[in-house]
mmCIF file of all heavy atoms, coordinates in Angstrom:
data_MODEL
# 
_entry.id   MODEL 
# 
loop_
_atom_site.group_PDB 
_atom_site.id 
_atom_site.type_symbol 
_atom_site.label_atom_id 
_atom_site.label_alt_id 
_atom_site.label_comp_id 
_atom_site.label_asym_id 
_atom_site.label_entity_id 
_atom_site.label_seq_id 
_atom_site.pdbx_PDB_ins_code 
_atom_site.Cartn_x 
_atom_site.Cartn_y 
_atom_site.Cartn_z 
_atom_site.occupancy 
_atom_site.B_iso_or_equiv 
_atom_site.pdbx_formal_charge 
_atom_site.auth_seq_id 
_atom_site.auth_comp_id 
_atom_site.auth_asym_id 
_atom_site.auth_atom_id 
_atom_site.pdbx_PDB_model_num 
ATOM 1   N N   . GLY A 1 1  ? -5.967  -7.132  5.848   1.00 0.00 ? 1  GLY A N   1 
ATOM 2   C CA  . GLY A 1 1  ? -6.196  -8.299  5.012   1.00 0.00 ? 1  GLY A CA  1 
ATOM 3   C C   . GLY A 1 1  ? -5.031  -9.261  5.041   1.00 0.00 ? 1  GLY A C   1 
ATOM 4   O O   . GLY A 1 1  ? -3.994  -9.004  5.656   1.00 0.00 ? 1  GLY A O   1 
ATOM 5   N N   . GLN A 1 2  ? -5.193  -10.367 4.372   1.00 0.00 ? 2  GLN A N   1 
ATOM 6   C CA  . GLN A 1 2  ? -4.170  -11.409 4.355   1.00 0.00 ? 2  GLN A CA  1 
ATOM 7   C C   . GLN A 1 2  ? -3.772  -11.683 2.908   1.00 0.00 ? 2  GLN A C   1 
ATOM 8   O O   . GLN A 1 2  ? -4.048  -12.753 2.368   1.00 0.00 ? 2  GLN A O   1 
ATOM 9   C CB  . GLN A 1 2  ? -4.714  -12.672 5.013   1.00 0.00 ? 2  GLN A CB  1 
ATOM 10  C CG  . GLN A 1 2  ? -5.171  -12.414 6.431   1.00 0.00 ? 2  GLN A CG  1 
ATOM 11  C CD  . GLN A 1 2  ? -6.172  -13.444 6.919   1.00 0.00 ? 2  GLN A CD  1 
ATOM 12  O OE1 . GLN A 1 2  ? -6.971  -13.978 6.181   1.00 0.00 ? 2  GLN A OE1 1 
ATOM 13  N NE2 . GLN A 1 2  ? -6.130  -13.725 8.197   1.00 0.00 ? 2  GLN A NE2 1 
ATOM 14  N N   . PRO A 1 3  ? -3.136  -10.694 2.244   1.00 0.00 ? 3  PRO A N   1 
ATOM 15  C CA  . PRO A 1 3  ? -2.856  -10.865 0.829   1.00 0.00 ? 3  PRO A CA  1 
ATOM 16  C C   . PRO A 1 3  ? -1.777  -11.887 0.518   1.00 0.00 ? 3  PRO A C   1 
ATOM 17  O O   . PRO A 1 3  ? -1.817  -12.510 -0.523  1.00 0.00 ? 3  PRO A O   1 
ATOM 18  C CB  . PRO A 1 3  ? -2.445  -9.468  0.374   1.00 0.00 ? 3  PRO A CB  1 
ATOM 19  C CG  . PRO A 1 3  ? -1.961  -8.793  1.609   1.00 0.00 ? 3  PRO A CG  1 
ATOM 20  C CD  . PRO A 1 3  ? -2.747  -9.388  2.736   1.00 0.00 ? 3  PRO A CD  1 
ATOM 21  N N   . GLY A 1 4  ? -0.811  -12.079 1.389   1.00 0.00 ? 4  GLY A N   1 
ATOM 22  C CA  . GLY A 1 4  ? 0.262   -13.027 1.101   1.00 0.00 ? 4  GLY A CA  1 
ATOM 23  C C   . GLY A 1 4  ? 1.110   -12.532 -0.062  1.00 0.00 ? 4  GLY A C   1 
ATOM 24  O O   . GLY A 1 4  ? 0.981   -11.416 -0.523  1.00 0.00 ? 4  GLY A O   1 
ATOM 25  N N   . VAL A 1 5  ? 1.961   -13.386 -0.555  1.00 0.00 ? 5  VAL A N   1 
ATOM 26  C CA  . VAL A 1 5  ? 2.836   -13.037 -1.678  1.00 0.00 ? 5  VAL A CA  1 
ATOM 27  C C   . VAL A 1 5  ? 2.431   -13.864 -2.887  1.00 0.00 ? 5  VAL A C   1 
ATOM 28  O O   . VAL A 1 5  ? 1.874   -14.954 -2.760  1.00 0.00 ? 5  VAL A O   1 
ATOM 29  C CB  . VAL A 1 5  ? 4.320   -13.290 -1.323  1.00 0.00 ? 5  VAL A CB  1 
ATOM 30  C CG1 . VAL A 1 5  ? 4.776   -12.376 -0.197  1.00 0.00 ? 5  VAL A CG1 1 
ATOM 31  C CG2 . VAL A 1 5  ? 4.544   -14.729 -0.945  1.00 0.00 ? 5  VAL A CG2 1 
ATOM 32  N N   . ALA A 1 6  ? 2.710   -13.342 -4.061  1.00 0.00 ? 6  ALA A N   1 
ATOM 33  C CA  . ALA A 1 6  ? 2.361   -14.051 -5.293  1.00 0.00 ? 6  ALA A CA  1 
ATOM 34  C C   . ALA A 1 6  ? 2.958   -15.458 -5.274  1.00 0.00 ? 6  ALA A C   1 
ATOM 35  O O   . ALA A 1 6  ? 4.112   -15.655 -4.888  1.00 0.00 ? 6  ALA A O   1 
ATOM 36  C CB  . ALA A 1 6  ? 2.855   -13.272 -6.500  1.00 0.00 ? 6  ALA A CB  1 
ATOM 37  N N   . GLY A 1 7  ? 2.146   -16.430 -5.655  1.00 0.00 ? 7  GLY A N   1 
ATOM 38  C CA  . GLY A 1 7  ? 2.605   -17.818 -5.692  1.00 0.00 ? 7  GLY A CA  1 
ATOM 39  C C   . GLY A 1 7  ? 2.321   -18.592 -4.423  1.00 0.00 ? 7  GLY A C   1 
ATOM 40  O O   . GLY A 1 7  ? 2.268   -19.812 -4.434  1.00 0.00 ? 7  GLY A O   1 
ATOM 41  N N   . ALA A 1 8  ? 2.150   -17.879 -3.304  1.00 0.00 ? 8  ALA A N   1 
ATOM 42  C CA  . ALA A 1 8  ? 1.849   -18.555 -2.036  1.00 0.00 ? 8  ALA A CA  1 
ATOM 43  C C   . ALA A 1 8  ? 0.335   -18.716 -1.916  1.00 0.00 ? 8  ALA A C   1 
ATOM 44  O O   . ALA A 1 8  ? -0.416  -17.877 -2.407  1.00 0.00 ? 8  ALA A O   1 
ATOM 45  C CB  . ALA A 1 8  ? 2.375   -17.747 -0.862  1.00 0.00 ? 8  ALA A CB  1 
ATOM 46  N N   . PRO A 1 9  ? -0.139  -19.802 -1.285  1.00 0.00 ? 9  PRO A N   1 
ATOM 47  C CA  . PRO A 1 9  ? -1.582  -19.946 -1.126  1.00 0.00 ? 9  PRO A CA  1 
ATOM 48  C C   . PRO A 1 9  ? -2.148  -18.864 -0.215  1.00 0.00 ? 9  PRO A C   1 
ATOM 49  O O   . PRO A 1 9  ? -1.471  -18.371 0.681   1.00 0.00 ? 9  PRO A O   1 
ATOM 50  C CB  . PRO A 1 9  ? -1.741  -21.334 -0.499  1.00 0.00 ? 9  PRO A CB  1 
ATOM 51  C CG  . PRO A 1 9  ? -0.424  -21.645 0.105   1.00 0.00 ? 9  PRO A CG  1 
ATOM 52  C CD  . PRO A 1 9  ? 0.599   -20.894 -0.676  1.00 0.00 ? 9  PRO A CD  1 
ATOM 53  N N   . GLY A 1 10 ? -3.397  -18.499 -0.463  1.00 0.00 ? 10 GLY A N   1 
ATOM 54  C CA  . GLY A 1 10 ? -4.076  -17.526 0.380   1.00 0.00 ? 10 GLY A CA  1 
ATOM 55  C C   . GLY A 1 10 ? -4.470  -18.171 1.703   1.00 0.00 ? 10 GLY A C   1 
ATOM 56  O O   . GLY A 1 10 ? -4.288  -19.378 1.904   1.00 0.00 ? 10 GLY A O   1 
ATOM 57  N N   . PRO A 1 11 ? -5.047  -17.385 2.612   1.00 0.00 ? 11 PRO A N   1 
ATOM 58  C CA  . PRO A 1 11 ? -5.436  -17.919 3.922   1.00 0.00 ? 11 PRO A CA  1 
ATOM 59  C C   . PRO A 1 11 ? -6.642  -18.856 3.840   1.00 0.00 ? 11 PRO A C   1 
ATOM 60  O O   . PRO A 1 11 ? -6.965  -19.535 4.789   1.00 0.00 ? 11 PRO A O   1 
ATOM 61  C CB  . PRO A 1 11 ? -5.776  -16.670 4.726   1.00 0.00 ? 11 PRO A CB  1 
ATOM 62  C CG  . PRO A 1 11 ? -6.182  -15.666 3.694   1.00 0.00 ? 11 PRO A CG  1 
ATOM 63  C CD  . PRO A 1 11 ? -5.339  -15.976 2.492   1.00 0.00 ? 11 PRO A CD  1 
ATOM 64  N N   . LEU A 1 12 ? -7.283  -18.872 2.675   1.00 0.00 ? 12 LEU A N   1 
ATOM 65  C CA  . LEU A 1 12 ? -8.459  -19.703 2.471   1.00 0.00 ? 12 LEU A CA  1 
ATOM 66  C C   . LEU A 1 12 ? -8.302  -20.410 1.133   1.00 0.00 ? 12 LEU A C   1 
ATOM 67  O O   . LEU A 1 12 ? -7.994  -19.779 0.128   1.00 0.00 ? 12 LEU A O   1 
ATOM 68  C CB  . LEU A 1 12 ? -9.709  -18.809 2.461   1.00 0.00 ? 12 LEU A CB  1 
ATOM 69  C CG  . LEU A 1 12 ? -11.047 -19.472 2.203   1.00 0.00 ? 12 LEU A CG  1 
ATOM 70  C CD1 . LEU A 1 12 ? -11.380 -20.473 3.312   1.00 0.00 ? 12 LEU A CD1 1 
ATOM 71  C CD2 . LEU A 1 12 ? -12.132 -18.412 2.098   1.00 0.00 ? 12 LEU A CD2 1 
ATOM 72  N N   . ILE A 1 13 ? -8.477  -21.720 1.125   1.00 0.00 ? 13 ILE A N   1 
ATOM 73  C CA  . ILE A 1 13 ? -8.401  -22.497 -0.111  1.00 0.00 ? 13 ILE A CA  1 
ATOM 74  C C   . ILE A 1 13 ? -9.742  -23.181 -0.292  1.00 0.00 ? 13 ILE A C   1 
ATOM 75  O O   . ILE A 1 13 ? -10.185 -23.938 0.567   1.00 0.00 ? 13 ILE A O   1 
ATOM 76  C CB  . ILE A 1 13 ? -7.263  -23.536 -0.068  1.00 0.00 ? 13 ILE A CB  1 
ATOM 77  C CG1 . ILE A 1 13 ? -5.924  -22.836 0.132   1.00 0.00 ? 13 ILE A CG1 1 
ATOM 78  C CG2 . ILE A 1 13 ? -7.251  -24.370 -1.351  1.00 0.00 ? 13 ILE A CG2 1 
ATOM 79  C CD1 . ILE A 1 13 ? -4.741  -23.785 0.344   1.00 0.00 ? 13 ILE A CD1 1 
ATOM 80  N N   . LEU A 1 14 ? -10.405 -22.874 -1.411  1.00 0.00 ? 14 LEU A N   1 
ATOM 81  C CA  . LEU A 1 14 ? -11.703 -23.448 -1.727  1.00 0.00 ? 14 LEU A CA  1 
ATOM 82  C C   . LEU A 1 14 ? -11.536 -24.420 -2.889  1.00 0.00 ? 14 LEU A C   1 
ATOM 83  O O   . LEU A 1 14 ? -10.776 -24.162 -3.817  1.00 0.00 ? 14 LEU A O   1 
ATOM 84  C CB  . LEU A 1 14 ? -12.701 -22.345 -2.099  1.00 0.00 ? 14 LEU A CB  1 
ATOM 85  C CG  . LEU A 1 14 ? -12.962 -21.319 -1.004  1.00 0.00 ? 14 LEU A CG  1 
ATOM 86  C CD1 . LEU A 1 14 ? -13.814 -20.174 -1.539  1.00 0.00 ? 14 LEU A CD1 1 
ATOM 87  C CD2 . LEU A 1 14 ? -13.635 -21.967 0.196   1.00 0.00 ? 14 LEU A CD2 1 
ATOM 88  N N   . GLU A 1 15 ? -12.277 -25.514 -2.841  1.00 0.00 ? 15 GLU A N   1 
ATOM 89  C CA  . GLU A 1 15 ? -12.153 -26.559 -3.853  1.00 0.00 ? 15 GLU A CA  1 
ATOM 90  C C   . GLU A 1 15 ? -13.312 -26.493 -4.844  1.00 0.00 ? 15 GLU A C   1 
ATOM 91  O O   . GLU A 1 15 ? -14.439 -26.183 -4.485  1.00 0.00 ? 15 GLU A O   1 
ATOM 92  C CB  . GLU A 1 15 ? -12.131 -27.932 -3.183  1.00 0.00 ? 15 GLU A CB  1 
ATOM 93  C CG  . GLU A 1 15 ? -11.816 -29.047 -4.144  1.00 0.00 ? 15 GLU A CG  1 
ATOM 94  C CD  . GLU A 1 15 ? -11.586 -30.376 -3.452  1.00 0.00 ? 15 GLU A CD  1 
ATOM 95  O OE1 . GLU A 1 15 ? -11.934 -30.510 -2.255  1.00 0.00 ? 15 GLU A OE1 1 
ATOM 96  O OE2 . GLU A 1 15 ? -11.069 -31.279 -4.100  1.00 0.00 ? 15 GLU A OE2 1 
ATOM 97  N N   . SER A 1 16 ? -12.997 -26.814 -6.089  1.00 0.00 ? 16 SER A N   1 
ATOM 98  C CA  . SER A 1 16 ? -13.985 -26.836 -7.170  1.00 0.00 ? 16 SER A CA  1 
ATOM 99  C C   . SER A 1 16 ? -13.880 -28.166 -7.908  1.00 0.00 ? 16 SER A C   1 
ATOM 100 O O   . SER A 1 16 ? -12.792 -28.727 -8.037  1.00 0.00 ? 16 SER A O   1 
ATOM 101 C CB  . SER A 1 16 ? -13.691 -25.689 -8.148  1.00 0.00 ? 16 SER A CB  1 
ATOM 102 O OG  . SER A 1 16 ? -14.446 -25.823 -9.327  1.00 0.00 ? 16 SER A OG  1 
ATOM 103 N N   . ASP A 1 17 ? -15.012 -28.648 -8.401  1.00 0.00 ? 17 ASP A N   1 
ATOM 104 C CA  . ASP A 1 17 ? -15.003 -29.848 -9.240  1.00 0.00 ? 17 ASP A CA  1 
ATOM 105 C C   . ASP A 1 17 ? -14.627 -29.514 -10.677 1.00 0.00 ? 17 ASP A C   1 
ATOM 106 O O   . ASP A 1 17 ? -14.146 -30.371 -11.414 1.00 0.00 ? 17 ASP A O   1 
ATOM 107 C CB  . ASP A 1 17 ? -16.376 -30.526 -9.230  1.00 0.00 ? 17 ASP A CB  1 
ATOM 108 C CG  . ASP A 1 17 ? -16.694 -31.160 -7.893  1.00 0.00 ? 17 ASP A CG  1 
ATOM 109 O OD1 . ASP A 1 17 ? -15.761 -31.567 -7.177  1.00 0.00 ? 17 ASP A OD1 1 
ATOM 110 O OD2 . ASP A 1 17 ? -17.891 -31.241 -7.552  1.00 0.00 ? 17 ASP A OD2 1 
ATOM 111 N N   . ASP A 1 18 ? -14.856 -28.263 -11.102 1.00 0.00 ? 18 ASP A N   1 
ATOM 112 C CA  . ASP A 1 18 ? -14.542 -27.812 -12.459 1.00 0.00 ? 18 ASP A CA  1 
ATOM 113 C C   . ASP A 1 18 ? -14.115 -26.352 -12.372 1.00 0.00 ? 18 ASP A C   1 
ATOM 114 O O   . ASP A 1 18 ? -14.916 -25.439 -12.569 1.00 0.00 ? 18 ASP A O   1 
ATOM 115 C CB  . ASP A 1 18 ? -15.757 -27.986 -13.369 1.00 0.00 ? 18 ASP A CB  1 
ATOM 116 C CG  . ASP A 1 18 ? -15.450 -27.684 -14.835 1.00 0.00 ? 18 ASP A CG  1 
ATOM 117 O OD1 . ASP A 1 18 ? -14.414 -27.046 -15.127 1.00 0.00 ? 18 ASP A OD1 1 
ATOM 118 O OD2 . ASP A 1 18 ? -16.269 -28.081 -15.684 1.00 0.00 ? 18 ASP A OD2 1 
ATOM 119 N N   . LEU A 1 19 ? -12.840 -26.131 -12.063 1.00 0.00 ? 19 LEU A N   1 
ATOM 120 C CA  . LEU A 1 19 ? -12.360 -24.782 -11.796 1.00 0.00 ? 19 LEU A CA  1 
ATOM 121 C C   . LEU A 1 19 ? -12.413 -23.898 -13.036 1.00 0.00 ? 19 LEU A C   1 
ATOM 122 O O   . LEU A 1 19 ? -12.708 -22.716 -12.935 1.00 0.00 ? 19 LEU A O   1 
ATOM 123 C CB  . LEU A 1 19 ? -10.944 -24.817 -11.217 1.00 0.00 ? 19 LEU A CB  1 
ATOM 124 C CG  . LEU A 1 19 ? -10.390 -23.471 -10.767 1.00 0.00 ? 19 LEU A CG  1 
ATOM 125 C CD1 . LEU A 1 19 ? -11.315 -22.777 -9.778  1.00 0.00 ? 19 LEU A CD1 1 
ATOM 126 C CD2 . LEU A 1 19 ? -9.013  -23.635 -10.169 1.00 0.00 ? 19 LEU A CD2 1 
ATOM 127 N N   . ARG A 1 20 ? -12.148 -24.437 -14.199 1.00 0.00 ? 20 ARG A N   1 
ATOM 128 C CA  . ARG A 1 20 ? -12.193 -23.603 -15.406 1.00 0.00 ? 20 ARG A CA  1 
ATOM 129 C C   . ARG A 1 20 ? -13.611 -23.047 -15.633 1.00 0.00 ? 20 ARG A C   1 
ATOM 130 O O   . ARG A 1 20 ? -13.785 -21.877 -15.957 1.00 0.00 ? 20 ARG A O   1 
ATOM 131 C CB  . ARG A 1 20 ? -11.691 -24.376 -16.604 1.00 0.00 ? 20 ARG A CB  1 
ATOM 132 C CG  . ARG A 1 20 ? -10.208 -24.687 -16.501 1.00 0.00 ? 20 ARG A CG  1 
ATOM 133 C CD  . ARG A 1 20 ? -9.660  -25.401 -17.710 1.00 0.00 ? 20 ARG A CD  1 
ATOM 134 N NE  . ARG A 1 20 ? -8.332  -25.922 -17.441 1.00 0.00 ? 20 ARG A NE  1 
ATOM 135 C CZ  . ARG A 1 20 ? -7.220  -25.201 -17.302 1.00 0.00 ? 20 ARG A CZ  1 
ATOM 136 N NH1 . ARG A 1 20 ? -7.282  -23.896 -17.414 1.00 0.00 ? 20 ARG A NH1 1 
ATOM 137 N NH2 . ARG A 1 20 ? -6.065  -25.774 -17.056 1.00 0.00 ? 20 ARG A NH2 1 
ATOM 138 N N   . LYS A 1 21 ? -14.613 -23.871 -15.453 1.00 0.00 ? 21 LYS A N   1 
ATOM 139 C CA  . LYS A 1 21 ? -16.001 -23.426 -15.599 1.00 0.00 ? 21 LYS A CA  1 
ATOM 140 C C   . LYS A 1 21 ? -16.342 -22.408 -14.514 1.00 0.00 ? 21 LYS A C   1 
ATOM 141 O O   . LYS A 1 21 ? -16.906 -21.350 -14.797 1.00 0.00 ? 21 LYS A O   1 
ATOM 142 C CB  . LYS A 1 21 ? -16.949 -24.628 -15.515 1.00 0.00 ? 21 LYS A CB  1 
ATOM 143 C CG  . LYS A 1 21 ? -18.417 -24.261 -15.660 1.00 0.00 ? 21 LYS A CG  1 
ATOM 144 C CD  . LYS A 1 21 ? -19.283 -25.492 -15.542 1.00 0.00 ? 21 LYS A CD  1 
ATOM 145 C CE  . LYS A 1 21 ? -20.039 -25.381 -14.249 1.00 0.00 ? 21 LYS A CE  1 
ATOM 146 N NZ  . LYS A 1 21 ? -20.793 -26.501 -13.833 1.00 0.00 ? 21 LYS A NZ  1 
ATOM 147 N N   . ASP A 1 22 ? -15.980 -22.711 -13.255 1.00 0.00 ? 22 ASP A N   1 
ATOM 148 C CA  . ASP A 1 22 ? -16.278 -21.800 -12.147 1.00 0.00 ? 22 ASP A CA  1 
ATOM 149 C C   . ASP A 1 22 ? -15.518 -20.477 -12.296 1.00 0.00 ? 22 ASP A C   1 
ATOM 150 O O   . ASP A 1 22 ? -16.039 -19.415 -11.971 1.00 0.00 ? 22 ASP A O   1 
ATOM 151 C CB  . ASP A 1 22 ? -15.937 -22.455 -10.809 1.00 0.00 ? 22 ASP A CB  1 
ATOM 152 C CG  . ASP A 1 22 ? -16.877 -23.610 -10.474 1.00 0.00 ? 22 ASP A CG  1 
ATOM 153 O OD1 . ASP A 1 22 ? -17.953 -23.712 -11.107 1.00 0.00 ? 22 ASP A OD1 1 
ATOM 154 O OD2 . ASP A 1 22 ? -16.526 -24.417 -9.593  1.00 0.00 ? 22 ASP A OD2 1 
ATOM 155 N N   . PHE A 1 23 ? -14.288 -20.543 -12.790 1.00 0.00 ? 23 PHE A N   1 
ATOM 156 C CA  . PHE A 1 23 ? -13.469 -19.344 -13.019 1.00 0.00 ? 23 PHE A CA  1 
ATOM 157 C C   . PHE A 1 23 ? -14.206 -18.400 -13.982 1.00 0.00 ? 23 PHE A C   1 
ATOM 158 O O   . PHE A 1 23 ? -14.337 -17.206 -13.706 1.00 0.00 ? 23 PHE A O   1 
ATOM 159 C CB  . PHE A 1 23 ? -12.119 -19.770 -13.596 1.00 0.00 ? 23 PHE A CB  1 
ATOM 160 C CG  . PHE A 1 23 ? -11.149 -18.655 -13.838 1.00 0.00 ? 23 PHE A CG  1 
ATOM 161 C CD1 . PHE A 1 23 ? -10.217 -18.306 -12.875 1.00 0.00 ? 23 PHE A CD1 1 
ATOM 162 C CD2 . PHE A 1 23 ? -11.137 -17.977 -15.042 1.00 0.00 ? 23 PHE A CD2 1 
ATOM 163 C CE1 . PHE A 1 23 ? -9.289  -17.293 -13.103 1.00 0.00 ? 23 PHE A CE1 1 
ATOM 164 C CE2 . PHE A 1 23 ? -10.222 -16.954 -15.277 1.00 0.00 ? 23 PHE A CE2 1 
ATOM 165 C CZ  . PHE A 1 23 ? -9.299  -16.616 -14.314 1.00 0.00 ? 23 PHE A CZ  1 
ATOM 166 N N   . ALA A 1 24 ? -14.699 -18.948 -15.095 1.00 0.00 ? 24 ALA A N   1 
ATOM 167 C CA  . ALA A 1 24 ? -15.404 -18.133 -16.085 1.00 0.00 ? 24 ALA A CA  1 
ATOM 168 C C   . ALA A 1 24 ? -16.669 -17.528 -15.479 1.00 0.00 ? 24 ALA A C   1 
ATOM 169 O O   . ALA A 1 24 ? -16.976 -16.340 -15.691 1.00 0.00 ? 24 ALA A O   1 
ATOM 170 C CB  . ALA A 1 24 ? -15.739 -18.972 -17.316 1.00 0.00 ? 24 ALA A CB  1 
ATOM 171 N N   . LEU A 1 25 ? -17.405 -18.311 -14.697 1.00 0.00 ? 25 LEU A N   1 
ATOM 172 C CA  . LEU A 1 25 ? -18.621 -17.831 -14.058 1.00 0.00 ? 25 LEU A CA  1 
ATOM 173 C C   . LEU A 1 25 ? -18.297 -16.712 -13.062 1.00 0.00 ? 25 LEU A C   1 
ATOM 174 O O   . LEU A 1 25 ? -18.943 -15.654 -13.060 1.00 0.00 ? 25 LEU A O   1 
ATOM 175 C CB  . LEU A 1 25 ? -19.331 -18.986 -13.345 1.00 0.00 ? 25 LEU A CB  1 
ATOM 176 C CG  . LEU A 1 25 ? -20.620 -18.659 -12.622 1.00 0.00 ? 25 LEU A CG  1 
ATOM 177 C CD1 . LEU A 1 25 ? -21.693 -18.216 -13.612 1.00 0.00 ? 25 LEU A CD1 1 
ATOM 178 C CD2 . LEU A 1 25 ? -21.104 -19.877 -11.853 1.00 0.00 ? 25 LEU A CD2 1 
ATOM 179 N N   . MET A 1 26 ? -17.277 -16.917 -12.227 1.00 0.00 ? 26 MET A N   1 
ATOM 180 C CA  . MET A 1 26 ? -16.905 -15.914 -11.226 1.00 0.00 ? 26 MET A CA  1 
ATOM 181 C C   . MET A 1 26 ? -16.391 -14.638 -11.891 1.00 0.00 ? 26 MET A C   1 
ATOM 182 O O   . MET A 1 26 ? -16.709 -13.532 -11.450 1.00 0.00 ? 26 MET A O   1 
ATOM 183 C CB  . MET A 1 26 ? -15.853 -16.479 -10.281 1.00 0.00 ? 26 MET A CB  1 
ATOM 184 C CG  . MET A 1 26 ? -16.378 -17.520 -9.335  1.00 0.00 ? 26 MET A CG  1 
ATOM 185 S SD  . MET A 1 26 ? -15.029 -18.148 -8.311  1.00 0.00 ? 26 MET A SD  1 
ATOM 186 C CE  . MET A 1 26 ? -15.631 -19.774 -7.919  1.00 0.00 ? 26 MET A CE  1 
ATOM 187 N N   . ARG A 1 27 ? -15.588 -14.803 -12.927 1.00 0.00 ? 27 ARG A N   1 
ATOM 188 C CA  . ARG A 1 27 ? -15.081 -13.621 -13.641 1.00 0.00 ? 27 ARG A CA  1 
ATOM 189 C C   . ARG A 1 27 ? -16.259 -12.821 -14.200 1.00 0.00 ? 27 ARG A C   1 
ATOM 190 O O   . ARG A 1 27 ? -16.273 -11.595 -14.142 1.00 0.00 ? 27 ARG A O   1 
ATOM 191 C CB  . ARG A 1 27 ? -14.137 -14.018 -14.757 1.00 0.00 ? 27 ARG A CB  1 
ATOM 192 C CG  . ARG A 1 27 ? -13.627 -12.758 -15.487 1.00 0.00 ? 27 ARG A CG  1 
ATOM 193 C CD  . ARG A 1 27 ? -12.827 -13.081 -16.691 1.00 0.00 ? 27 ARG A CD  1 
ATOM 194 N NE  . ARG A 1 27 ? -11.489 -13.446 -16.274 1.00 0.00 ? 27 ARG A NE  1 
ATOM 195 C CZ  . ARG A 1 27 ? -10.634 -14.073 -17.069 1.00 0.00 ? 27 ARG A CZ  1 
ATOM 196 N NH1 . ARG A 1 27 ? -10.973 -14.428 -18.280 1.00 0.00 ? 27 ARG A NH1 1 
ATOM 197 N NH2 . ARG A 1 27 ? -9.430  -14.361 -16.639 1.00 0.00 ? 27 ARG A NH2 1 
ATOM 198 N N   . GLY A 1 28 ? -17.262 -13.515 -14.741 1.00 0.00 ? 28 GLY A N   1 
ATOM 199 C CA  . GLY A 1 28 ? -18.459 -12.852 -15.238 1.00 0.00 ? 28 GLY A CA  1 
ATOM 200 C C   . GLY A 1 28 ? -19.218 -12.119 -14.144 1.00 0.00 ? 28 GLY A C   1 
ATOM 201 O O   . GLY A 1 28 ? -19.942 -11.157 -14.417 1.00 0.00 ? 28 GLY A O   1 
# 
């Protein structure tokens, strides 16, 4: 895998229009 180090971006960056809403949905 490509875990990287804390604070560094992962190998994939996905964009959201409303990250707080999407975060809650994904966590669920």
